[in-house]
Amino acid sequence: MAKNFNRRSLLKGILGGATVSMGLPLLNLFLNDNGNAYADGSSIPTRFGTYFWGLGLTDTPAGGTRWVPQKTGLDYEITPELQAIAALKHKVSVFSGFRAIPDTRPNLVHWSGHASILSGVAPAGSGRFDAPTLDTRVADAIGGSTRFKVLDIDASISRRPISYSTRTGSTFASPDQTTVALYRRLFGDGFQDPNSDHWAPDPAIMLRQSVLSAVTEQRQSLLRSVGHDDQIKLEQYFTSLREMENQLAVQLQRPEPREACVLPDTPAEMARAASVDVVNSNTRVMARLLAMGLACDQSRVFNFIHTGGTSETYVAGQSKIYHQITHDEPTHAQLGYQPESSKLAGLVMEGFGAFLEELDAVKEGSGTLLDNCLVFAFSDTGYAKIHSLENIPMMLAGGAGGRHKAGQHIHAPGESVTRVSLTAMQLAGAPVGEFGTGSMRTARAVSDVIA
């Protein structure tokens, strides 16, 4: 009897006189012998995302650290500020010693570090990047067949939206800032359950696509009639329209069944307070929604902000925010580091641990959603007290569909952060041979973590 079922099968019956149907989970029956692809040869998709938190982790003036393991390679030890990833350390590679290299440009505090990681270029000024961010290159490679090419999420509960994703360098993506907004984006209007047997194309989408097609058909005539500057503006505009058309076309195609996809309940609105416990709770709920959005194949690329570079996070009952504490707190004479700053760093890492736990909780194929993801996590600085660009903490989490040899500590003092950026893009499936400019230009991925 089992041979009559496949991954598209539904169990059907009668309940109260009405026909009901129920999707099947992703059974081994539907997979190949290795459990890493469907039996028909189609692969479980790899997802890619960035995860950012502000203010780095704790170094000490004497050269010690609260986060860098002493052992390199496999089975690295869990340090005080990495406690939150202990349960999943076999799925997380830690990169230490890497630095952003601005060459002749200034160190723009809480900006140069992550700008270099994301764009490969030390920026000339704060508030903008000098090249597109790496998530856009990955999205162009693996994100075109989904409803949302990239999802941008800001869990920081900051006073203004925070996003570091850009194609132009000057205009950044608009993130979802609340759990309800993210839920509505993923599962509100336009959501098509990939496991439903009642799928039908949305007439409104058909109309929007036809209107956009009519506009793009006239673009060549218009381009010939305007000056050079307007041609540039129109090319940018039409590029945006073509991307919209492609996304609309995706919504007019019947989605592939995704047995891990289960429509979640609408979340409650989170409290509007930037205390670290609230931000971490917000992170967990938004990660849970994101995980199901990825499992339902609504997107394959995301950017997640836990806190901005100048973090407004605080411990409930304290009068100072984290950013101010990193600058005001003296180094403890006996301990050799800033104890309150280190405590906050550990609490912030609890947010990252919760994020990974939610991805790992979704069973997919022979493993979990996290096993089919690559999460590139990083901060803006190595040592917030002095705005250091050395030893910026970076991590790669997830299996990338079997391509990431995870669970390692890679220590490379003085090496450019762009080597890790390049590695992340290649593991995600983007055809990128080199990345960065100036002293950060590199074609050397970190081969130790590539299977």
Protein backbone atom coordinates (compact mmCIF):
# COMPACT_ATOMS: atom_id res chain seq x y z
CA MET A 1 0.00 0.00 0.00
CA ALA A 2 2.84 2.42 0.81
CA LYS A 3 4.07 2.47 -2.77
CA ASN A 4 0.82 4.23 -3.77
CA PHE A 5 1.75 7.28 -1.70
CA ASN A 6 4.18 10.07 -2.54
CA ARG A 7 5.11 13.45 -1.07
CA ARG A 8 2.07 15.06 -2.72
CA SER A 9 -0.40 12.55 -1.25
CA LEU A 10 -3.21 13.61 1.06
CA LEU A 11 -5.17 11.51 3.50
CA LYS A 12 -8.87 12.06 2.78
CA GLY A 13 -12.01 11.19 4.75
CA ILE A 14 -15.43 12.34 5.84
CA LEU A 15 -16.00 14.38 9.02
CA GLY A 16 -19.50 15.52 9.90
CA GLY A 17 -20.66 14.88 6.35
CA ALA A 18 -17.87 17.01 4.86
CA THR A 19 -14.79 15.86 2.99
CA VAL A 20 -11.56 16.62 4.82
CA SER A 21 -7.94 16.12 3.82
CA MET A 22 -4.67 16.08 5.72
CA GLY A 23 -1.13 16.40 4.42
CA LEU A 24 1.50 13.81 5.25
CA PRO A 25 4.79 14.60 7.04
CA LEU A 26 8.07 14.28 5.19
CA LEU A 27 8.39 10.51 5.55
CA ASN A 28 11.54 8.54 4.74
CA LEU A 29 9.38 6.88 2.09
CA PHE A 30 9.48 10.11 0.08
CA LEU A 31 13.27 10.56 0.32
CA ASN A 32 16.30 9.03 -1.31
CA ASP A 33 18.42 6.46 0.50
CA ASN A 34 20.53 9.17 2.14
CA GLY A 35 17.53 11.17 3.36
CA ASN A 36 18.92 14.40 1.90
CA ALA A 37 16.75 14.75 -1.24
CA TYR A 38 13.38 13.69 -2.52
CA ALA A 39 13.08 10.28 -4.15
CA ASP A 40 12.36 11.91 -7.52
CA GLY A 41 15.77 13.56 -7.40
CA SER A 42 14.68 17.09 -6.48
CA SER A 43 16.66 18.53 -3.60
CA ILE A 44 15.54 20.02 -0.31
CA PRO A 45 16.36 23.73 -0.78
CA THR A 46 19.19 25.43 1.06
CA ARG A 47 18.27 28.64 2.86
CA PHE A 48 20.63 31.47 3.73
CA GLY A 49 20.39 34.27 6.24
CA THR A 50 22.40 36.87 8.09
CA TYR A 51 22.03 37.48 11.83
CA PHE A 52 23.43 40.69 13.32
CA TRP A 53 23.90 41.86 16.90
CA GLY A 54 25.58 45.06 18.06
CA LEU A 55 28.63 45.73 20.26
CA GLY A 56 30.59 42.54 19.60
CA LEU A 57 31.72 40.30 22.44
CA THR A 58 34.27 40.85 25.23
CA ASP A 59 38.00 41.18 24.71
CA THR A 60 40.32 42.46 27.42
CA PRO A 61 43.08 45.09 27.39
CA ALA A 62 45.61 42.37 28.22
CA GLY A 63 44.70 40.46 25.08
CA GLY A 64 42.44 37.87 26.67
CA THR A 65 38.88 37.15 25.68
CA ARG A 66 35.59 35.96 27.07
CA TRP A 67 34.43 34.36 23.82
CA VAL A 68 37.33 32.92 21.80
CA PRO A 69 37.91 29.18 22.44
CA GLN A 70 41.51 28.13 23.06
CA LYS A 71 41.15 25.00 20.97
CA THR A 72 40.91 25.23 17.19
CA GLY A 73 39.27 22.75 14.84
CA LEU A 74 36.58 20.35 15.99
CA ASP A 75 35.26 19.99 19.53
CA TYR A 76 36.17 23.52 20.65
CA GLU A 77 35.33 24.37 24.24
CA ILE A 78 32.36 26.57 25.16
CA THR A 79 33.57 29.88 26.59
CA PRO A 80 31.53 32.07 28.98
CA GLU A 81 29.94 34.23 26.29
CA LEU A 82 29.17 31.28 23.98
CA GLN A 83 27.15 29.36 26.57
CA ALA A 84 23.93 30.01 24.66
CA ILE A 85 25.05 27.88 21.68
CA ALA A 86 26.39 24.98 23.76
CA ALA A 87 23.59 22.58 22.84
CA LEU A 88 24.08 23.27 19.12
CA LYS A 89 27.85 23.84 18.97
CA HIS A 90 28.24 20.82 16.66
CA LYS A 91 26.23 22.86 14.13
CA VAL A 92 28.08 26.16 14.69
CA SER A 93 31.52 27.15 13.40
CA VAL A 94 33.20 30.03 15.25
CA PHE A 95 35.63 32.38 13.49
CA SER A 96 38.06 34.46 15.56
CA GLY A 97 41.00 36.75 14.81
CA PHE A 98 39.56 38.11 11.54
CA ARG A 99 39.53 41.87 11.06
CA ALA A 100 38.05 44.58 8.89
CA ILE A 101 40.79 46.49 7.02
CA PRO A 102 39.83 50.06 6.10
CA ASP A 103 43.15 50.83 4.37
CA THR A 104 43.27 54.65 4.24
CA ARG A 105 39.66 55.16 5.31
CA PRO A 106 38.71 56.02 8.88
CA ASN A 107 37.23 53.59 11.38
CA LEU A 108 33.60 54.71 11.37
CA VAL A 109 32.45 53.52 14.76
CA HIS A 110 29.65 50.93 14.84
CA TRP A 111 29.60 51.01 11.03
CA SER A 112 32.89 50.06 9.35
CA GLY A 113 32.94 46.53 10.78
CA HIS A 114 29.66 45.11 9.53
CA ALA A 115 29.77 47.26 6.38
CA SER A 116 33.05 45.52 5.49
CA ILE A 117 31.63 42.08 6.25
CA LEU A 118 28.46 42.64 4.23
CA SER A 119 29.74 44.66 1.28
CA GLY A 120 33.46 43.82 1.16
CA VAL A 121 34.30 47.53 1.19
CA ALA A 122 35.32 49.77 4.10
CA PRO A 123 32.76 52.59 3.74
CA ALA A 124 33.71 56.19 3.10
CA GLY A 125 30.94 57.55 5.31
CA SER A 126 28.49 56.45 7.98
CA GLY A 127 24.95 55.64 7.01
CA ARG A 128 25.75 54.14 3.62
CA PHE A 129 27.72 51.28 2.08
CA ASP A 130 29.94 51.51 -0.98
CA ALA A 131 28.71 48.26 -2.59
CA PRO A 132 25.68 45.96 -2.47
CA THR A 133 25.41 43.59 0.49
CA LEU A 134 26.17 39.90 0.08
CA ASP A 135 22.61 38.78 0.85
CA THR A 136 21.47 40.34 -2.44
CA ARG A 137 23.98 38.21 -4.36
CA VAL A 138 22.81 35.08 -2.61
CA ALA A 139 19.17 36.04 -3.21
CA ASP A 140 19.85 36.45 -6.92
CA ALA A 141 21.29 32.92 -6.96
CA ILE A 142 18.78 31.00 -4.82
CA GLY A 143 15.83 33.27 -3.98
CA GLY A 144 14.08 33.88 -7.29
CA SER A 145 11.62 30.99 -7.13
CA THR A 146 9.94 32.05 -3.88
CA ARG A 147 7.26 34.56 -2.99
CA PHE A 148 9.71 36.82 -1.15
CA LYS A 149 13.19 37.06 -2.59
CA VAL A 150 14.53 38.29 0.76
CA LEU A 151 12.88 38.70 4.17
CA ASP A 152 14.15 41.52 6.39
CA ILE A 153 13.36 41.33 10.11
CA ASP A 154 14.23 43.70 12.97
CA ALA A 155 13.64 42.30 16.46
CA SER A 156 15.48 45.12 18.27
CA ILE A 157 12.40 47.16 19.29
CA SER A 158 14.48 50.20 18.41
CA ARG A 159 13.02 53.66 17.94
CA ARG A 160 13.65 53.41 14.20
CA PRO A 161 13.75 50.50 11.74
CA ILE A 162 17.16 48.87 11.39
CA SER A 163 18.33 47.15 8.21
CA TYR A 164 21.78 46.66 6.73
CA SER A 165 20.63 45.10 3.45
CA THR A 166 21.12 47.22 0.34
CA ARG A 167 21.56 46.95 -3.42
CA THR A 168 22.41 50.61 -3.98
CA GLY A 169 24.48 51.39 -0.87
CA SER A 170 22.24 54.30 0.07
CA THR A 171 18.76 52.78 0.27
CA PHE A 172 18.27 50.00 2.81
CA ALA A 173 15.50 47.43 3.01
CA SER A 174 12.40 48.07 5.10
CA PRO A 175 12.21 45.37 7.78
CA ASP A 176 9.23 43.92 9.62
CA GLN A 177 9.58 45.18 13.20
CA THR A 178 6.83 43.30 15.04
CA THR A 179 5.70 39.71 15.31
CA VAL A 180 2.27 40.60 13.96
CA ALA A 181 3.73 42.42 10.94
CA LEU A 182 5.94 39.44 10.16
CA TYR A 183 3.03 37.03 10.54
CA ARG A 184 0.87 39.08 8.17
CA ARG A 185 3.65 39.27 5.62
CA LEU A 186 4.23 35.53 5.65
CA PHE A 187 0.76 34.12 6.25
CA GLY A 188 -1.66 36.95 5.50
CA ASP A 189 -2.98 38.08 2.11
CA GLY A 190 -1.29 36.24 -0.73
CA PHE A 191 -0.23 33.19 1.29
CA GLN A 192 -0.94 29.92 -0.52
CA ASP A 193 -0.69 26.79 1.60
CA PRO A 194 1.68 24.54 -0.39
CA ASN A 195 -0.06 21.44 1.01
CA SER A 196 -3.63 22.51 0.21
CA ASP A 197 -5.63 20.70 -2.47
CA HIS A 198 -7.74 23.86 -3.00
CA TRP A 199 -5.07 26.04 -4.58
CA ALA A 200 -6.11 28.60 -7.18
CA PRO A 201 -4.27 31.62 -8.64
CA ASP A 202 -5.27 34.97 -7.17
CA PRO A 203 -7.08 37.11 -9.81
CA ALA A 204 -5.70 40.28 -8.21
CA ILE A 205 -2.16 39.02 -8.74
CA MET A 206 -3.00 38.15 -12.36
CA LEU A 207 -4.23 41.71 -12.89
CA ARG A 208 -1.17 43.27 -11.26
CA GLN A 209 1.14 41.14 -13.36
CA SER A 210 -0.61 42.07 -16.59
CA VAL A 211 -0.38 45.78 -15.73
CA LEU A 212 3.33 45.53 -14.99
CA SER A 213 3.92 43.58 -18.20
CA ALA A 214 2.22 46.34 -20.19
CA VAL A 215 4.50 48.91 -18.59
CA THR A 216 7.69 47.01 -19.29
CA GLU A 217 6.73 46.43 -22.94
CA GLN A 218 6.91 50.19 -23.50
CA ARG A 219 10.21 50.75 -21.73
CA GLN A 220 12.45 50.67 -24.79
CA SER A 221 10.49 53.41 -26.51
CA LEU A 222 10.61 55.58 -23.40
CA LEU A 223 14.31 54.97 -22.83
CA ARG A 224 15.12 56.21 -26.35
CA SER A 225 13.30 59.49 -25.73
CA VAL A 226 15.05 60.68 -22.55
CA GLY A 227 18.51 61.88 -21.55
CA HIS A 228 21.32 59.84 -19.99
CA ASP A 229 20.51 60.65 -16.35
CA ASP A 230 16.87 59.76 -16.83
CA GLN A 231 17.88 56.55 -18.60
CA ILE A 232 19.79 55.51 -15.48
CA LYS A 233 16.80 56.31 -13.28
CA LEU A 234 14.45 54.41 -15.59
CA GLU A 235 16.74 51.38 -15.72
CA GLN A 236 16.70 51.24 -11.93
CA TYR A 237 12.92 51.60 -11.95
CA PHE A 238 12.36 48.91 -14.57
CA THR A 239 14.75 46.59 -12.75
CA SER A 240 12.54 46.92 -9.69
CA LEU A 241 9.45 46.25 -11.79
CA ARG A 242 11.00 43.16 -13.36
CA GLU A 243 11.78 41.82 -9.90
CA MET A 244 8.17 42.46 -8.88
CA GLU A 245 6.93 40.67 -12.01
CA ASN A 246 9.10 37.68 -11.23
CA GLN A 247 7.75 37.50 -7.69
CA LEU A 248 4.17 37.82 -8.92
CA ALA A 249 4.79 35.07 -11.46
CA VAL A 250 5.90 32.79 -8.63
CA GLN A 251 2.56 33.36 -6.88
CA LEU A 252 0.69 32.30 -10.04
CA GLN A 253 2.37 28.88 -10.01
CA ARG A 254 1.11 26.03 -7.86
CA PRO A 255 3.65 25.70 -5.01
CA GLU A 256 5.59 22.53 -4.38
CA PRO A 257 4.27 20.63 -1.34
CA ARG A 258 6.31 21.26 1.82
CA GLU A 259 5.41 18.66 4.40
CA ALA A 260 7.16 20.60 7.20
CA CYS A 261 4.85 23.56 6.58
CA VAL A 262 2.19 24.08 9.27
CA LEU A 263 0.29 27.37 9.42
CA PRO A 264 1.07 28.96 12.82
CA ASP A 265 -1.38 30.81 15.03
CA THR A 266 -1.40 34.60 14.95
CA PRO A 267 1.10 35.79 17.60
CA ALA A 268 0.32 38.28 20.32
CA GLU A 269 1.88 41.73 19.93
CA MET A 270 5.14 42.00 21.88
CA ALA A 271 5.83 44.62 24.53
CA ARG A 272 7.52 47.78 23.26
CA ALA A 273 10.57 47.79 25.51
CA ALA A 274 14.21 47.29 24.59
CA SER A 275 15.19 45.41 27.74
CA VAL A 276 17.26 42.42 26.75
CA ASP A 277 14.71 39.89 28.02
CA VAL A 278 11.98 41.45 25.86
CA VAL A 279 14.23 41.65 22.79
CA ASN A 280 15.20 38.00 23.26
CA SER A 281 11.54 36.98 23.61
CA ASN A 282 10.76 38.95 20.46
CA THR A 283 13.66 37.21 18.72
CA ARG A 284 12.37 33.75 19.62
CA VAL A 285 8.82 34.41 18.42
CA MET A 286 9.99 36.06 15.20
CA ALA A 287 12.45 33.19 14.63
CA ARG A 288 9.60 30.71 15.05
CA LEU A 289 7.54 32.55 12.43
CA LEU A 290 10.56 32.84 10.13
CA ALA A 291 11.28 29.12 10.50
CA MET A 292 7.78 28.22 9.37
CA GLY A 293 7.97 30.76 6.55
CA LEU A 294 11.15 29.05 5.33
CA ALA A 295 9.61 25.59 5.78
CA CYS A 296 6.60 26.75 3.72
CA ASP A 297 9.04 28.00 1.05
CA GLN A 298 7.83 31.60 1.22
CA SER A 299 11.48 32.71 1.06
CA ARG A 300 14.95 31.19 1.05
CA VAL A 301 16.97 34.27 2.07
CA PHE A 302 16.62 36.48 5.14
CA ASN A 303 18.33 39.16 7.21
CA PHE A 304 17.69 39.26 10.95
CA ILE A 305 18.65 42.14 13.25
CA HIS A 306 18.79 41.35 16.97
CA THR A 307 20.14 44.76 17.98
CA GLY A 308 21.68 47.61 16.03
CA GLY A 309 25.33 48.64 16.15
CA THR A 310 24.67 51.23 18.86
CA SER A 311 22.46 48.87 20.83
CA GLU A 312 19.71 50.40 22.97
CA THR A 313 19.33 47.13 24.89
CA TYR A 314 19.43 47.25 28.67
CA VAL A 315 18.89 45.01 31.68
CA ALA A 316 15.56 45.72 33.34
CA GLY A 317 16.14 47.97 36.37
CA GLN A 318 19.40 49.48 35.05
CA SER A 319 19.63 53.17 34.18
CA LYS A 320 22.16 52.76 31.34
CA ILE A 321 21.82 51.03 27.98
CA TYR A 322 24.33 48.43 26.82
CA HIS A 323 26.12 50.84 24.48
CA GLN A 324 26.77 53.36 27.22
CA ILE A 325 27.93 50.66 29.64
CA THR A 326 30.59 49.41 27.19
CA HIS A 327 32.16 52.88 27.23
CA ASP A 328 31.60 53.93 30.85
CA GLU A 329 32.37 50.72 32.72
CA PRO A 330 36.00 50.42 33.86
CA THR A 331 37.94 47.23 33.41
CA HIS A 332 37.86 45.27 36.65
CA ALA A 333 41.35 45.22 38.20
CA GLN A 334 41.23 41.56 39.24
CA LEU A 335 39.03 40.09 36.51
CA GLY A 336 40.73 41.94 33.66
CA TYR A 337 37.49 42.68 31.79
CA GLN A 338 34.23 44.66 32.09
CA PRO A 339 31.90 42.37 34.08
CA GLU A 340 28.61 44.16 33.31
CA SER A 341 29.42 44.41 29.62
CA SER A 342 30.36 40.72 29.55
CA LYS A 343 27.10 39.82 31.30
CA LEU A 344 25.13 41.73 28.69
CA ALA A 345 27.10 40.11 25.89
CA GLY A 346 26.12 36.70 27.25
CA LEU A 347 22.47 37.74 27.47
CA VAL A 348 22.54 39.02 23.89
CA MET A 349 23.99 35.68 22.78
CA GLU A 350 20.98 34.02 24.41
CA GLY A 351 18.96 35.65 21.65
CA PHE A 352 21.13 33.98 19.03
CA GLY A 353 20.84 30.65 20.82
CA ALA A 354 17.04 30.96 20.85
CA PHE A 355 17.06 31.86 17.16
CA LEU A 356 19.00 28.71 16.25
CA GLU A 357 16.84 26.55 18.50
CA GLU A 358 13.71 27.59 16.61
CA LEU A 359 15.26 26.69 13.24
CA ASP A 360 16.47 23.40 14.64
CA ALA A 361 13.03 22.55 16.06
CA VAL A 362 11.47 22.16 12.60
CA LYS A 363 12.00 18.62 11.32
CA GLU A 364 12.81 18.48 7.63
CA GLY A 365 13.95 15.39 5.73
CA SER A 366 16.35 13.29 7.73
CA GLY A 367 17.36 16.32 9.82
CA THR A 368 16.06 19.77 10.67
CA LEU A 369 15.48 23.08 8.96
CA LEU A 370 18.74 24.32 10.49
CA ASP A 371 20.57 21.49 8.74
CA ASN A 372 19.31 22.89 5.44
CA CYS A 373 20.17 26.49 6.36
CA LEU A 374 23.33 28.55 6.59
CA VAL A 375 23.10 31.40 9.10
CA PHE A 376 25.95 33.93 8.91
CA ALA A 377 26.07 35.69 12.30
CA PHE A 378 28.37 38.63 13.08
CA SER A 379 28.71 41.94 14.89
CA ASP A 380 30.11 45.40 14.19
CA THR A 381 33.19 45.43 16.43
CA GLY A 382 35.66 43.22 18.22
CA TYR A 383 35.88 45.25 21.44
CA ALA A 384 33.17 47.87 21.86
CA LYS A 385 35.01 49.99 24.45
CA ILE A 386 37.59 51.05 21.87
CA HIS A 387 35.59 50.36 18.67
CA SER A 388 38.11 47.76 17.57
CA LEU A 389 37.97 46.33 14.05
CA GLU A 390 40.15 43.39 15.09
CA ASN A 391 38.80 40.01 16.18
CA ILE A 392 35.21 40.73 15.12
CA PRO A 393 33.10 37.74 16.21
CA MET A 394 31.59 35.77 13.33
CA MET A 395 29.85 32.41 13.18
CA LEU A 396 28.36 30.10 10.57
CA ALA A 397 25.48 27.97 11.82
CA GLY A 398 23.60 25.16 10.11
CA GLY A 399 24.53 22.45 7.66
CA ALA A 400 23.90 24.30 4.36
CA GLY A 401 22.37 21.08 3.03
CA GLY A 402 25.51 19.09 3.87
CA ARG A 403 28.05 21.56 2.47
CA HIS A 404 29.11 23.09 5.80
CA LYS A 405 31.61 21.08 7.87
CA ALA A 406 30.22 22.60 11.03
CA GLY A 407 31.30 22.54 14.66
CA GLN A 408 34.78 24.04 14.19
CA HIS A 409 36.75 26.95 15.61
CA ILE A 410 38.80 28.76 12.96
CA HIS A 411 41.39 31.19 14.36
CA ALA A 412 43.12 33.42 11.80
CA PRO A 413 44.67 36.53 13.40
CA GLY A 414 44.85 39.47 11.01
CA GLU A 415 43.00 37.79 8.16
CA SER A 416 40.28 39.78 6.40
CA VAL A 417 36.65 39.30 7.45
CA THR A 418 35.78 39.01 3.77
CA ARG A 419 37.23 35.49 3.70
CA VAL A 420 34.36 34.39 5.93
CA SER A 421 31.88 36.41 3.84
CA LEU A 422 33.08 34.67 0.68
CA THR A 423 32.85 31.30 2.40
CA ALA A 424 29.27 31.99 3.46
CA MET A 425 28.19 32.93 -0.06
CA GLN A 426 29.80 29.86 -1.58
CA LEU A 427 28.26 27.54 1.02
CA ALA A 428 24.85 29.08 0.31
CA GLY A 429 25.19 28.27 -3.39
CA ALA A 430 26.05 31.66 -4.87
CA PRO A 431 28.53 31.53 -7.78
CA VAL A 432 31.02 34.01 -6.29
CA GLY A 433 34.75 33.56 -6.91
CA GLU A 434 36.09 36.60 -5.05
CA PHE A 435 34.83 39.31 -2.75
CA GLY A 436 35.97 42.66 -1.42
CA THR A 437 38.22 45.51 -2.49
CA GLY A 438 41.65 46.81 -1.50
CA SER A 439 43.32 44.83 1.28
CA MET A 440 40.05 42.98 1.85
CA ARG A 441 39.82 41.64 -1.69
CA THR A 442 40.07 37.86 -1.53
CA ALA A 443 39.48 34.71 -3.54
CA ARG A 444 40.40 32.49 -0.55
CA ALA A 445 37.41 30.94 1.10
CA VAL A 446 37.97 29.17 4.43
CA SER A 447 38.26 25.69 2.96
CA ASP A 448 38.34 23.95 6.36
CA VAL A 449 34.58 24.37 6.73
CA ILE A 450 33.60 23.47 3.16
CA ALA A 451 32.63 19.84 2.59
